[in-house]
Amino acid sequence: MIYSILITILFIAFFQLARMSIGFELAYSSITNSLRNAVVDWKNTGSMYLLSAYFLFMLLPFFWGLTFFLKSDANVVVVILAFSWIYNWTKYFFLNEKLER
């Protein structure tokens, strides 16, 4: 559980550092544009913060899901859902697909 909390705190810290460094808003389009620009200009300090936050964001379902379901048979479901999480968020961020609600 301590690792899940640590990953969450690191995600929030890196995301806030990236917001202060790059200066984007908390809107979906602003975050996606900043993330795409961070991939292109990855040597910038703000870009490193944002890419680290993105990487930690992708790890969140693994850590939180396996915290609660590691010793049960549901850990397979957690891993499948985590891969779905990673696929969908990567698709939305980098392939210009819109979130349909």
PDB file of N, CA and C in Angstrom:
ATOM      1  N   MET A   1       0.825  -1.185   0.000  1.00  0.00           N
ATOM      2  CA  MET A   1       0.000   0.000   0.000  1.00  0.00           C
ATOM      3  C   MET A   1       0.877   1.259   0.000  1.00  0.00           C
ATOM      4  N   ILE A   2       2.009   1.167   0.636  1.00  0.00           N
ATOM      5  CA  ILE A   2       2.889   2.328   0.701  1.00  0.00           C
ATOM      6  C   ILE A   2       3.394   2.715  -0.689  1.00  0.00           C
ATOM      7  N   TYR A   3       3.611   1.729  -1.553  1.00  0.00           N
ATOM      8  CA  TYR A   3       4.072   2.028  -2.905  1.00  0.00           C
ATOM      9  C   TYR A   3       2.977   2.711  -3.718  1.00  0.00           C
ATOM     10  N   SER A   4       1.749   2.314  -3.508  1.00  0.00           N
ATOM     11  CA  SER A   4       0.633   2.949  -4.216  1.00  0.00           C
ATOM     12  C   SER A   4       0.493   4.405  -3.806  1.00  0.00           C
ATOM     13  N   ILE A   5       0.611   4.659  -2.531  1.00  0.00           N
ATOM     14  CA  ILE A   5       0.534   6.033  -2.044  1.00  0.00           C
ATOM     15  C   ILE A   5       1.719   6.843  -2.567  1.00  0.00           C
ATOM     16  N   LEU A   6       2.902   6.248  -2.569  1.00  0.00           N
ATOM     17  CA  LEU A   6       4.098   6.928  -3.066  1.00  0.00           C
ATOM     18  C   LEU A   6       3.972   7.258  -4.552  1.00  0.00           C
ATOM     19  N   ILE A   7       3.479   6.322  -5.352  1.00  0.00           N
ATOM     20  CA  ILE A   7       3.295   6.557  -6.789  1.00  0.00           C
ATOM     21  C   ILE A   7       2.274   7.681  -7.012  1.00  0.00           C
ATOM     22  N   THR A   8       1.212   7.687  -6.219  1.00  0.00           N
ATOM     23  CA  THR A   8       0.192   8.727  -6.359  1.00  0.00           C
ATOM     24  C   THR A   8       0.745  10.094  -5.987  1.00  0.00           C
ATOM     25  N   ILE A   9       1.501  10.169  -4.912  1.00  0.00           N
ATOM     26  CA  ILE A   9       2.103  11.434  -4.498  1.00  0.00           C
ATOM     27  C   ILE A   9       3.117  11.916  -5.535  1.00  0.00           C
ATOM     28  N   LEU A  10       3.915  11.003  -6.059  1.00  0.00           N
ATOM     29  CA  LEU A  10       4.873  11.383  -7.102  1.00  0.00           C
ATOM     30  C   LEU A  10       4.168  11.871  -8.363  1.00  0.00           C
ATOM     31  N   PHE A  11       3.075  11.212  -8.734  1.00  0.00           N
ATOM     32  CA  PHE A  11       2.305  11.650  -9.902  1.00  0.00           C
ATOM     33  C   PHE A  11       1.794  13.073  -9.706  1.00  0.00           C
ATOM     34  N   ILE A  12       1.202  13.343  -8.552  1.00  0.00           N
ATOM     35  CA  ILE A  12       0.676  14.680  -8.278  1.00  0.00           C
ATOM     36  C   ILE A  12       1.797  15.713  -8.260  1.00  0.00           C
ATOM     37  N   ALA A  13       2.918  15.360  -7.653  1.00  0.00           N
ATOM     38  CA  ALA A  13       4.048  16.300  -7.573  1.00  0.00           C
ATOM     39  C   ALA A  13       4.614  16.609  -8.957  1.00  0.00           C
ATOM     40  N   PHE A  14       4.850  15.578  -9.768  1.00  0.00           N
ATOM     41  CA  PHE A  14       5.388  15.809 -11.112  1.00  0.00           C
ATOM     42  C   PHE A  14       4.393  16.578 -11.978  1.00  0.00           C
ATOM     43  N   PHE A  15       3.111  16.281 -11.825  1.00  0.00           N
ATOM     44  CA  PHE A  15       2.108  16.984 -12.613  1.00  0.00           C
ATOM     45  C   PHE A  15       2.070  18.470 -12.229  1.00  0.00           C
ATOM     46  N   GLN A  16       2.143  18.756 -10.948  1.00  0.00           N
ATOM     47  CA  GLN A  16       2.140  20.151 -10.511  1.00  0.00           C
ATOM     48  C   GLN A  16       3.426  20.870 -10.942  1.00  0.00           C
ATOM     49  N   LEU A  17       4.551  20.186 -10.866  1.00  0.00           N
ATOM     50  CA  LEU A  17       5.801  20.783 -11.349  1.00  0.00           C
ATOM     51  C   LEU A  17       5.738  21.075 -12.845  1.00  0.00           C
ATOM     52  N   ALA A  18       5.131  20.176 -13.606  1.00  0.00           N
ATOM     53  CA  ALA A  18       4.985  20.393 -15.045  1.00  0.00           C
ATOM     54  C   ALA A  18       4.041  21.560 -15.309  1.00  0.00           C
ATOM     55  N   ARG A  19       2.967  21.663 -14.537  1.00  0.00           N
ATOM     56  CA  ARG A  19       2.039  22.798 -14.711  1.00  0.00           C
ATOM     57  C   ARG A  19       2.727  24.115 -14.422  1.00  0.00           C
ATOM     58  N   MET A  20       3.547  24.153 -13.375  1.00  0.00           N
ATOM     59  CA  MET A  20       4.255  25.395 -13.060  1.00  0.00           C
ATOM     60  C   MET A  20       5.328  25.709 -14.098  1.00  0.00           C
ATOM     61  N   SER A  21       5.986  24.683 -14.614  1.00  0.00           N
ATOM     62  CA  SER A  21       7.085  24.891 -15.551  1.00  0.00           C
ATOM     63  C   SER A  21       6.587  25.210 -16.959  1.00  0.00           C
ATOM     64  N   ILE A  22       5.613  24.440 -17.443  1.00  0.00           N
ATOM     65  CA  ILE A  22       5.122  24.631 -18.807  1.00  0.00           C
ATOM     66  C   ILE A  22       3.995  25.662 -18.840  1.00  0.00           C
ATOM     67  N   GLY A  23       3.122  25.627 -17.858  1.00  0.00           N
ATOM     68  CA  GLY A  23       2.045  26.603 -17.772  1.00  0.00           C
ATOM     69  C   GLY A  23       0.808  26.241 -18.568  1.00  0.00           C
ATOM     70  N   PHE A  24       0.356  25.001 -18.521  1.00  0.00           N
ATOM     71  CA  PHE A  24      -0.863  24.615 -19.219  1.00  0.00           C
ATOM     72  C   PHE A  24      -2.039  24.595 -18.247  1.00  0.00           C
ATOM     73  N   GLU A  25      -3.249  24.600 -18.813  1.00  0.00           N
ATOM     74  CA  GLU A  25      -4.466  24.579 -18.005  1.00  0.00           C
ATOM     75  C   GLU A  25      -4.867  23.142 -17.701  1.00  0.00           C
ATOM     76  N   LEU A  26      -5.852  22.991 -16.836  1.00  0.00           N
ATOM     77  CA  LEU A  26      -6.356  21.662 -16.495  1.00  0.00           C
ATOM     78  C   LEU A  26      -7.502  21.252 -17.411  1.00  0.00           C
ATOM     79  N   ALA A  27      -7.372  21.520 -18.677  1.00  0.00           N
ATOM     80  CA  ALA A  27      -8.340  21.104 -19.675  1.00  0.00           C
ATOM     81  C   ALA A  27      -7.728  19.979 -20.509  1.00  0.00           C
ATOM     82  N   TYR A  28      -8.601  19.102 -21.018  1.00  0.00           N
ATOM     83  CA  TYR A  28      -8.131  17.939 -21.777  1.00  0.00           C
ATOM     84  C   TYR A  28      -7.290  18.356 -22.977  1.00  0.00           C
ATOM     85  N   SER A  29      -7.760  19.342 -23.738  1.00  0.00           N
ATOM     86  CA  SER A  29      -7.038  19.750 -24.943  1.00  0.00           C
ATOM     87  C   SER A  29      -5.691  20.385 -24.601  1.00  0.00           C
ATOM     88  N   SER A  30      -5.641  21.130 -23.519  1.00  0.00           N
ATOM     89  CA  SER A  30      -4.383  21.751 -23.105  1.00  0.00           C
ATOM     90  C   SER A  30      -3.367  20.706 -22.644  1.00  0.00           C
ATOM     91  N   ILE A  31      -3.844  19.713 -21.911  1.00  0.00           N
ATOM     92  CA  ILE A  31      -2.945  18.652 -21.438  1.00  0.00           C
ATOM     93  C   ILE A  31      -2.444  17.815 -22.607  1.00  0.00           C
ATOM     94  N   THR A  32      -3.326  17.481 -23.554  1.00  0.00           N
ATOM     95  CA  THR A  32      -2.884  16.681 -24.698  1.00  0.00           C
ATOM     96  C   THR A  32      -1.883  17.437 -25.558  1.00  0.00           C
ATOM     97  N   ASN A  33      -2.131  18.716 -25.788  1.00  0.00           N
ATOM     98  CA  ASN A  33      -1.175  19.507 -26.571  1.00  0.00           C
ATOM     99  C   ASN A  33       0.168  19.615 -25.853  1.00  0.00           C
ATOM    100  N   SER A  34       0.136  19.816 -24.550  1.00  0.00           N
ATOM    101  CA  SER A  34       1.384  19.895 -23.785  1.00  0.00           C
ATOM    102  C   SER A  34       2.120  18.565 -23.794  1.00  0.00           C
ATOM    103  N   LEU A  35       1.371  17.472 -23.716  1.00  0.00           N
ATOM    104  CA  LEU A  35       2.009  16.160 -23.724  1.00  0.00           C
ATOM    105  C   LEU A  35       2.625  15.841 -25.081  1.00  0.00           C
ATOM    106  N   ARG A  36       1.942  16.203 -26.152  1.00  0.00           N
ATOM    107  CA  ARG A  36       2.514  15.997 -27.491  1.00  0.00           C
ATOM    108  C   ARG A  36       3.767  16.848 -27.693  1.00  0.00           C
ATOM    109  N   ASN A  37       3.721  18.080 -27.208  1.00  0.00           N
ATOM    110  CA  ASN A  37       4.906  18.936 -27.308  1.00  0.00           C
ATOM    111  C   ASN A  37       6.035  18.423 -26.423  1.00  0.00           C
ATOM    112  N   ALA A  38       5.690  17.802 -25.297  1.00  0.00           N
ATOM    113  CA  ALA A  38       6.708  17.255 -24.397  1.00  0.00           C
ATOM    114  C   ALA A  38       7.433  16.077 -25.034  1.00  0.00           C
ATOM    115  N   VAL A  39       6.720  15.305 -25.847  1.00  0.00           N
ATOM    116  CA  VAL A  39       7.368  14.178 -26.526  1.00  0.00           C
ATOM    117  C   VAL A  39       8.353  14.692 -27.561  1.00  0.00           C
ATOM    118  N   VAL A  40       7.998  15.762 -28.242  1.00  0.00           N
ATOM    119  CA  VAL A  40       8.888  16.327 -29.259  1.00  0.00           C
ATOM    120  C   VAL A  40      10.105  16.984 -28.611  1.00  0.00           C
ATOM    121  N   ASP A  41       9.863  17.771 -27.579  1.00  0.00           N
ATOM    122  CA  ASP A  41      10.944  18.502 -26.897  1.00  0.00           C
ATOM    123  C   ASP A  41      11.159  17.884 -25.515  1.00  0.00           C
ATOM    124  N   TRP A  42      11.629  16.664 -25.482  1.00  0.00           N
ATOM    125  CA  TRP A  42      11.717  15.912 -24.227  1.00  0.00           C
ATOM    126  C   TRP A  42      12.886  16.325 -23.351  1.00  0.00           C
ATOM    127  N   LYS A  43      13.820  17.115 -23.867  1.00  0.00           N
ATOM    128  CA  LYS A  43      14.973  17.518 -23.063  1.00  0.00           C
ATOM    129  C   LYS A  43      14.679  18.709 -22.163  1.00  0.00           C
ATOM    130  N   ASN A  44      13.556  19.357 -22.353  1.00  0.00           N
ATOM    131  CA  ASN A  44      13.144  20.467 -21.518  1.00  0.00           C
ATOM    132  C   ASN A  44      12.762  19.946 -20.124  1.00  0.00           C
ATOM    133  N   THR A  45      13.037  20.713 -19.094  1.00  0.00           N
ATOM    134  CA  THR A  45      12.753  20.268 -17.726  1.00  0.00           C
ATOM    135  C   THR A  45      11.263  20.067 -17.508  1.00  0.00           C
ATOM    136  N   GLY A  46      10.430  20.985 -17.979  1.00  0.00           N
ATOM    137  CA  GLY A  46       8.986  20.841 -17.836  1.00  0.00           C
ATOM    138  C   GLY A  46       8.461  19.628 -18.584  1.00  0.00           C
ATOM    139  N   SER A  47       9.066  19.347 -19.726  1.00  0.00           N
ATOM    140  CA  SER A  47       8.666  18.166 -20.492  1.00  0.00           C
ATOM    141  C   SER A  47       9.023  16.888 -19.751  1.00  0.00           C
ATOM    142  N   MET A  48      10.167  16.887 -19.098  1.00  0.00           N
ATOM    143  CA  MET A  48      10.552  15.701 -18.314  1.00  0.00           C
ATOM    144  C   MET A  48       9.582  15.483 -17.167  1.00  0.00           C
ATOM    145  N   TYR A  49       9.162  16.566 -16.522  1.00  0.00           N
ATOM    146  CA  TYR A  49       8.182  16.454 -15.449  1.00  0.00           C
ATOM    147  C   TYR A  49       6.854  15.905 -15.974  1.00  0.00           C
ATOM    148  N   LEU A  50       6.419  16.417 -17.109  1.00  0.00           N
ATOM    149  CA  LEU A  50       5.142  15.982 -17.665  1.00  0.00           C
ATOM    150  C   LEU A  50       5.200  14.538 -18.141  1.00  0.00           C
ATOM    151  N   LEU A  51       6.280  14.140 -18.771  1.00  0.00           N
ATOM    152  CA  LEU A  51       6.409  12.750 -19.207  1.00  0.00           C
ATOM    153  C   LEU A  51       6.521  11.801 -18.017  1.00  0.00           C
ATOM    154  N   SER A  52       7.183  12.229 -16.953  1.00  0.00           N
ATOM    155  CA  SER A  52       7.236  11.414 -15.732  1.00  0.00           C
ATOM    156  C   SER A  52       5.850  11.281 -15.110  1.00  0.00           C
ATOM    157  N   ALA A  53       5.089  12.372 -15.109  1.00  0.00           N
ATOM    158  CA  ALA A  53       3.724  12.318 -14.587  1.00  0.00           C
ATOM    159  C   ALA A  53       2.862  11.397 -15.445  1.00  0.00           C
ATOM    160  N   TYR A  54       3.035  11.441 -16.755  1.00  0.00           N
ATOM    161  CA  TYR A  54       2.283  10.549 -17.646  1.00  0.00           C
ATOM    162  C   TYR A  54       2.637   9.083 -17.387  1.00  0.00           C
ATOM    163  N   PHE A  55       3.908   8.807 -17.240  1.00  0.00           N
ATOM    164  CA  PHE A  55       4.341   7.439 -16.961  1.00  0.00           C
ATOM    165  C   PHE A  55       3.772   6.946 -15.631  1.00  0.00           C
ATOM    166  N   LEU A  56       3.796   7.779 -14.611  1.00  0.00           N
ATOM    167  CA  LEU A  56       3.244   7.397 -13.314  1.00  0.00           C
ATOM    168  C   LEU A  56       1.727   7.261 -13.385  1.00  0.00           C
ATOM    169  N   PHE A  57       1.072   8.087 -14.189  1.00  0.00           N
ATOM    170  CA  PHE A  57      -0.371   7.987 -14.391  1.00  0.00           C
ATOM    171  C   PHE A  57      -0.727   6.629 -15.011  1.00  0.00           C
ATOM    172  N   MET A  58       0.119   6.147 -15.903  1.00  0.00           N
ATOM    173  CA  MET A  58      -0.134   4.853 -16.519  1.00  0.00           C
ATOM    174  C   MET A  58       0.095   3.700 -15.534  1.00  0.00           C
ATOM    175  N   LEU A  59       0.930   3.904 -14.538  1.00  0.00           N
ATOM    176  CA  LEU A  59       1.192   2.856 -13.550  1.00  0.00           C
ATOM    177  C   LEU A  59       0.186   2.808 -12.408  1.00  0.00           C
ATOM    178  N   LEU A  60      -0.613   3.838 -12.255  1.00  0.00           N
ATOM    179  CA  LEU A  60      -1.542   3.897 -11.126  1.00  0.00           C
ATOM    180  C   LEU A  60      -2.478   2.694 -11.018  1.00  0.00           C
ATOM    181  N   PRO A  61      -3.122   2.222 -12.110  1.00  0.00           N
ATOM    182  CA  PRO A  61      -4.022   1.078 -11.934  1.00  0.00           C
ATOM    183  C   PRO A  61      -3.298  -0.205 -11.535  1.00  0.00           C
ATOM    184  N   PHE A  62      -2.067  -0.382 -12.001  1.00  0.00           N
ATOM    185  CA  PHE A  62      -1.313  -1.561 -11.578  1.00  0.00           C
ATOM    186  C   PHE A  62      -1.082  -1.546 -10.069  1.00  0.00           C
ATOM    187  N   PHE A  63      -0.586  -0.441  -9.572  1.00  0.00           N
ATOM    188  CA  PHE A  63      -0.245  -0.368  -8.156  1.00  0.00           C
ATOM    189  C   PHE A  63      -1.478  -0.415  -7.268  1.00  0.00           C
ATOM    190  N   TRP A  64      -2.499   0.395  -7.571  1.00  0.00           N
ATOM    191  CA  TRP A  64      -3.682   0.413  -6.717  1.00  0.00           C
ATOM    192  C   TRP A  64      -4.483  -0.875  -6.845  1.00  0.00           C
ATOM    193  N   GLY A  65      -4.599  -1.409  -8.042  1.00  0.00           N
ATOM    194  CA  GLY A  65      -5.354  -2.650  -8.213  1.00  0.00           C
ATOM    195  C   GLY A  65      -4.679  -3.829  -7.552  1.00  0.00           C
ATOM    196  N   LEU A  66      -3.379  -3.927  -7.718  1.00  0.00           N
ATOM    197  CA  LEU A  66      -2.669  -5.064  -7.127  1.00  0.00           C
ATOM    198  C   LEU A  66      -2.472  -4.900  -5.624  1.00  0.00           C
ATOM    199  N   THR A  67      -2.620  -3.676  -5.120  1.00  0.00           N
ATOM    200  CA  THR A  67      -2.575  -3.485  -3.671  1.00  0.00           C
ATOM    201  C   THR A  67      -3.709  -4.243  -3.004  1.00  0.00           C
ATOM    202  N   PHE A  68      -4.883  -4.209  -3.628  1.00  0.00           N
ATOM    203  CA  PHE A  68      -6.053  -4.829  -3.011  1.00  0.00           C
ATOM    204  C   PHE A  68      -6.314  -6.247  -3.485  1.00  0.00           C
ATOM    205  N   PHE A  69      -5.843  -6.617  -4.677  1.00  0.00           N
ATOM    206  CA  PHE A  69      -6.191  -7.913  -5.238  1.00  0.00           C
ATOM    207  C   PHE A  69      -4.990  -8.795  -5.545  1.00  0.00           C
ATOM    208  N   LEU A  70      -3.856  -8.571  -4.898  1.00  0.00           N
ATOM    209  CA  LEU A  70      -2.650  -9.330  -5.229  1.00  0.00           C
ATOM    210  C   LEU A  70      -2.773 -10.801  -4.837  1.00  0.00           C
ATOM    211  N   LYS A  71      -3.367 -11.070  -3.708  1.00  0.00           N
ATOM    212  CA  LYS A  71      -3.430 -12.454  -3.234  1.00  0.00           C
ATOM    213  C   LYS A  71      -4.721 -13.157  -3.622  1.00  0.00           C
ATOM    214  N   SER A  72      -5.446 -12.620  -4.578  1.00  0.00           N
ATOM    215  CA  SER A  72      -6.675 -13.269  -5.029  1.00  0.00           C
ATOM    216  C   SER A  72      -6.575 -13.548  -6.520  1.00  0.00           C
ATOM    217  N   ASP A  73      -7.601 -14.167  -7.058  1.00  0.00           N
ATOM    218  CA  ASP A  73      -7.612 -14.445  -8.489  1.00  0.00           C
ATOM    219  C   ASP A  73      -7.994 -13.228  -9.315  1.00  0.00           C
ATOM    220  N   ALA A  74      -8.383 -12.160  -8.655  1.00  0.00           N
ATOM    221  CA  ALA A  74      -8.778 -10.942  -9.372  1.00  0.00           C
ATOM    222  C   ALA A  74      -7.575 -10.168  -9.902  1.00  0.00           C
ATOM    223  N   ASN A  75      -6.359 -10.586  -9.551  1.00  0.00           N
ATOM    224  CA  ASN A  75      -5.189  -9.867 -10.048  1.00  0.00           C
ATOM    225  C   ASN A  75      -5.071  -9.965 -11.569  1.00  0.00           C
ATOM    226  N   VAL A  76      -5.604 -11.016 -12.164  1.00  0.00           N
ATOM    227  CA  VAL A  76      -5.605 -11.136 -13.616  1.00  0.00           C
ATOM    228  C   VAL A  76      -6.509 -10.071 -14.222  1.00  0.00           C
ATOM    229  N   VAL A  77      -7.640  -9.851 -13.594  1.00  0.00           N
ATOM    230  CA  VAL A  77      -8.570  -8.822 -14.064  1.00  0.00           C
ATOM    231  C   VAL A  77      -7.938  -7.435 -13.921  1.00  0.00           C
ATOM    232  N   VAL A  78      -7.213  -7.223 -12.842  1.00  0.00           N
ATOM    233  CA  VAL A  78      -6.541  -5.935 -12.627  1.00  0.00           C
ATOM    234  C   VAL A  78      -5.532  -5.676 -13.735  1.00  0.00           C
ATOM    235  N   VAL A  79      -4.760  -6.662 -14.093  1.00  0.00           N
ATOM    236  CA  VAL A  79      -3.756  -6.489 -15.148  1.00  0.00           C
ATOM    237  C   VAL A  79      -4.426  -6.236 -16.498  1.00  0.00           C
ATOM    238  N   ILE A  80      -5.499  -6.943 -16.792  1.00  0.00           N
ATOM    239  CA  ILE A  80      -6.221  -6.727 -18.051  1.00  0.00           C
ATOM    240  C   ILE A  80      -6.814  -5.323 -18.093  1.00  0.00           C
ATOM    241  N   LEU A  81      -7.423  -4.890 -17.000  1.00  0.00           N
ATOM    242  CA  LEU A  81      -7.989  -3.544 -16.956  1.00  0.00           C
ATOM    243  C   LEU A  81      -6.898  -2.471 -17.016  1.00  0.00           C
ATOM    244  N   ALA A  82      -5.753  -2.750 -16.433  1.00  0.00           N
ATOM    245  CA  ALA A  82      -4.649  -1.788 -16.494  1.00  0.00           C
ATOM    246  C   ALA A  82      -4.124  -1.650 -17.926  1.00  0.00           C
ATOM    247  N   PHE A  83      -4.035  -2.759 -18.649  1.00  0.00           N
ATOM    248  CA  PHE A  83      -3.616  -2.661 -20.052  1.00  0.00           C
ATOM    249  C   PHE A  83      -4.644  -1.906 -20.882  1.00  0.00           C
ATOM    250  N   SER A  84      -5.907  -2.099 -20.581  1.00  0.00           N
ATOM    251  CA  SER A  84      -6.956  -1.342 -21.249  1.00  0.00           C
ATOM    252  C   SER A  84      -6.848   0.143 -20.920  1.00  0.00           C
ATOM    253  N   TRP A  85      -6.546   0.454 -19.664  1.00  0.00           N
ATOM    254  CA  TRP A  85      -6.335   1.841 -19.215  1.00  0.00           C
ATOM    255  C   TRP A  85      -5.204   2.484 -20.012  1.00  0.00           C
ATOM    256  N   ILE A  86      -4.086   1.787 -20.112  1.00  0.00           N
ATOM    257  CA  ILE A  86      -2.917   2.327 -20.821  1.00  0.00           C
ATOM    258  C   ILE A  86      -3.222   2.515 -22.302  1.00  0.00           C
ATOM    259  N   TYR A  87      -3.857   1.525 -22.910  1.00  0.00           N
ATOM    260  CA  TYR A  87      -4.182   1.618 -24.341  1.00  0.00           C
ATOM    261  C   TYR A  87      -5.105   2.792 -24.625  1.00  0.00           C
ATOM    262  N   ASN A  88      -6.168   2.921 -23.848  1.00  0.00           N
ATOM    263  CA  ASN A  88      -7.148   3.971 -24.116  1.00  0.00           C
ATOM    264  C   ASN A  88      -6.582   5.362 -23.869  1.00  0.00           C
ATOM    265  N   TRP A  89      -5.868   5.568 -22.779  1.00  0.00           N
ATOM    266  CA  TRP A  89      -5.320   6.900 -22.529  1.00  0.00           C
ATOM    267  C   TRP A  89      -4.242   7.265 -23.541  1.00  0.00           C
ATOM    268  N   THR A  90      -3.446   6.311 -23.966  1.00  0.00           N
ATOM    269  CA  THR A  90      -2.446   6.587 -24.994  1.00  0.00           C
ATOM    270  C   THR A  90      -3.124   6.933 -26.309  1.00  0.00           C
ATOM    271  N   LYS A  91      -4.195   6.221 -26.621  1.00  0.00           N
ATOM    272  CA  LYS A  91      -4.956   6.510 -27.839  1.00  0.00           C
ATOM    273  C   LYS A  91      -5.555   7.914 -27.776  1.00  0.00           C
ATOM    274  N   TYR A  92      -6.120   8.285 -26.653  1.00  0.00           N
ATOM    275  CA  TYR A  92      -6.737   9.612 -26.534  1.00  0.00           C
ATOM    276  C   TYR A  92      -5.697  10.721 -26.568  1.00  0.00           C
ATOM    277  N   PHE A  93      -4.553  10.504 -25.949  1.00  0.00           N
ATOM    278  CA  PHE A  93      -3.547  11.555 -25.900  1.00  0.00           C
ATOM    279  C   PHE A  93      -2.798  11.727 -27.211  1.00  0.00           C
ATOM    280  N   PHE A  94      -2.436  10.651 -27.865  1.00  0.00           N
ATOM    281  CA  PHE A  94      -1.515  10.756 -28.993  1.00  0.00           C
ATOM    282  C   PHE A  94      -2.147  10.545 -30.360  1.00  0.00           C
ATOM    283  N   LEU A  95      -3.315   9.955 -30.446  1.00  0.00           N
ATOM    284  CA  LEU A  95      -3.910   9.691 -31.752  1.00  0.00           C
ATOM    285  C   LEU A  95      -5.101  10.581 -32.058  1.00  0.00           C
ATOM    286  N   ASN A  96      -5.269  11.659 -31.306  1.00  0.00           N
ATOM    287  CA  ASN A  96      -6.314  12.656 -31.535  1.00  0.00           C
ATOM    288  C   ASN A  96      -7.728  12.091 -31.478  1.00  0.00           C
ATOM    289  N   GLU A  97      -7.955  11.051 -30.728  1.00  0.00           N
ATOM    290  CA  GLU A  97      -9.307  10.558 -30.571  1.00  0.00           C
ATOM    291  C   GLU A  97      -9.974  11.302 -29.432  1.00  0.00           C
ATOM    292  N   LYS A  98     -11.243  11.580 -29.578  1.00  0.00           N
ATOM    293  CA  LYS A  98     -11.973  12.325 -28.571  1.00  0.00           C
ATOM    294  C   LYS A  98     -12.646  11.368 -27.594  1.00  0.00           C
ATOM    295  N   LEU A  99     -12.789  11.846 -26.381  1.00  0.00           N
ATOM    296  CA  LEU A  99     -13.534  11.094 -25.391  1.00  0.00           C
ATOM    297  C   LEU A  99     -15.025  11.238 -25.705  1.00  0.00           C
ATOM    298  N   GLU A 100     -15.693  10.121 -25.910  1.00  0.00           N
ATOM    299  CA  GLU A 100     -17.130  10.167 -26.204  1.00  0.00           C
ATOM    300  C   GLU A 100     -17.881   9.886 -24.916  1.00  0.00           C
ATOM    301  N   ARG A 101     -18.821  10.748 -24.635  1.00  0.00           N
ATOM    302  CA  ARG A 101     -19.606  10.576 -23.397  1.00  0.00           C
ATOM    303  C   ARG A 101     -21.053  10.452 -23.733  1.00  0.00           C
TER     304      ARG A 101
END
